[in-house]
Amino acid sequence: MAAYTGRTTTLARAASSAVAGLLASARRGHPWTGRPFCGRETLDVTLVEPELVVEVGVGVVRDTSGRWRHPARLHRARLYLSPGEVPRITALPRRHPSSTASTSPG
């Protein structure tokens, strides 16, 4: 089963056209039909088969739910990879010690 993993910032026209040419329309009975994709706004989505792997750049900051705090930016398609070859992130990374408040004498 494929999982929705996120979205990027709005793509420039050339990037949008390039990515669109790599996508396949969703087959009938797609499991995400009628599913909302964002709580704050209504998105006009076109469902596709979850077969394309892309590289994105993200900031390392996450919110308390584990979602990226800042939008992901598309870098490039990884046509030689299938979704099954991409490792899943199963746990949030540990916080760096310098990011937590500490008290030390003197």
Protein backbone atom coordinates (compact mmCIF):
# COMPACT_ATOMS: atom_id res chain seq x y z
CA MET A 1 0.00 0.00 0.00
CA ALA A 2 1.34 3.41 -0.92
CA ALA A 3 1.18 6.31 1.48
CA TYR A 4 0.79 10.01 0.90
CA THR A 5 4.03 11.50 2.16
CA GLY A 6 3.78 15.19 1.49
CA ARG A 7 3.76 18.01 -0.97
CA THR A 8 6.23 20.54 -2.25
CA THR A 9 6.05 24.26 -2.71
CA THR A 10 4.28 25.41 -5.88
CA LEU A 11 6.39 24.39 -8.86
CA ALA A 12 7.55 26.76 -11.56
CA ARG A 13 5.78 26.21 -14.89
CA ALA A 14 8.73 24.36 -16.50
CA ALA A 15 9.19 22.06 -13.48
CA SER A 16 5.44 21.44 -13.27
CA SER A 17 5.28 20.42 -16.94
CA ALA A 18 8.32 18.15 -16.57
CA VAL A 19 6.90 16.36 -13.53
CA ALA A 20 3.43 16.09 -15.09
CA GLY A 21 4.96 14.21 -18.02
CA LEU A 22 6.33 11.59 -15.61
CA LEU A 23 3.03 10.89 -13.84
CA ALA A 24 0.32 8.37 -14.66
CA SER A 25 -3.36 9.10 -13.96
CA ALA A 26 -4.88 7.22 -11.06
CA ARG A 27 -6.67 4.01 -11.87
CA ARG A 28 -10.34 3.62 -11.01
CA GLY A 29 -10.89 2.91 -7.32
CA HIS A 30 -7.80 4.78 -6.15
CA PRO A 31 -7.69 4.55 -2.30
CA TRP A 32 -7.28 8.31 -1.86
CA THR A 33 -10.42 9.29 -3.80
CA GLY A 34 -12.38 11.85 -1.76
CA ARG A 35 -9.68 12.17 0.90
CA PRO A 36 -8.83 15.66 2.20
CA PHE A 37 -5.16 16.60 1.86
CA CYS A 38 -4.86 19.65 4.09
CA GLY A 39 -6.73 20.82 7.14
CA ARG A 40 -6.38 24.55 6.62
CA GLU A 41 -7.31 24.90 2.97
CA THR A 42 -9.11 22.98 0.27
CA LEU A 43 -6.72 21.71 -2.37
CA ASP A 44 -7.70 20.95 -5.94
CA VAL A 45 -5.90 17.65 -6.50
CA THR A 46 -5.49 15.29 -9.43
CA LEU A 47 -4.81 11.78 -8.19
CA VAL A 48 -1.97 9.87 -9.81
CA GLU A 49 -0.41 6.47 -9.36
CA PRO A 50 2.20 6.66 -6.58
CA GLU A 51 5.10 5.45 -8.72
CA LEU A 52 7.37 8.48 -9.11
CA VAL A 53 10.22 9.04 -6.63
CA VAL A 54 11.53 12.59 -6.33
CA GLU A 55 14.28 14.17 -4.26
CA VAL A 56 13.20 17.09 -2.11
CA GLY A 57 15.00 19.51 0.16
CA VAL A 58 13.53 20.25 3.58
CA GLY A 59 14.57 22.07 6.71
CA VAL A 60 15.32 19.79 9.63
CA VAL A 61 12.73 21.35 11.96
CA ARG A 62 9.59 19.30 12.60
CA ASP A 63 6.46 20.11 14.53
CA THR A 64 5.21 18.02 17.46
CA SER A 65 3.35 15.73 15.05
CA GLY A 66 6.56 14.92 13.18
CA ARG A 67 5.65 16.89 10.05
CA TRP A 68 8.21 19.11 8.36
CA ARG A 69 7.70 22.64 9.66
CA HIS A 70 8.72 24.29 6.36
CA PRO A 71 7.63 23.34 2.82
CA ALA A 72 9.63 20.80 0.84
CA ARG A 73 11.31 22.00 -2.36
CA LEU A 74 11.54 19.75 -5.39
CA HIS A 75 15.10 19.03 -6.55
CA ARG A 76 14.74 16.32 -9.20
CA ALA A 77 13.02 13.08 -10.19
CA ARG A 78 14.88 9.87 -9.37
CA LEU A 79 13.71 7.77 -12.30
CA TYR A 80 15.99 4.84 -11.44
CA LEU A 81 14.26 4.32 -8.05
CA SER A 82 10.93 2.69 -7.31
CA PRO A 83 8.92 3.65 -4.22
CA GLY A 84 9.77 0.28 -2.64
CA GLU A 85 13.48 1.15 -2.73
CA VAL A 86 13.10 4.30 -0.65
CA PRO A 87 13.72 3.71 3.06
CA ARG A 88 10.86 4.70 5.34
CA ILE A 89 11.47 7.06 8.22
CA THR A 90 10.04 5.19 11.19
CA ALA A 91 11.22 7.41 14.04
CA LEU A 92 11.89 11.08 14.50
CA PRO A 93 15.55 11.99 14.73
CA ARG A 94 16.84 12.83 18.20
CA ARG A 95 17.18 16.48 19.06
CA HIS A 96 20.70 17.79 19.01
CA PRO A 97 21.88 18.55 22.59
CA SER A 98 22.50 22.20 21.69
CA SER A 99 18.83 22.64 20.77
CA THR A 100 17.62 21.97 24.32
CA ALA A 101 17.86 24.38 27.19
CA SER A 102 20.37 23.49 29.84
CA THR A 103 21.70 25.00 32.95
CA SER A 104 25.31 24.77 33.92
CA PRO A 105 27.14 26.31 36.83
CA GLY A 106 29.17 29.45 36.27
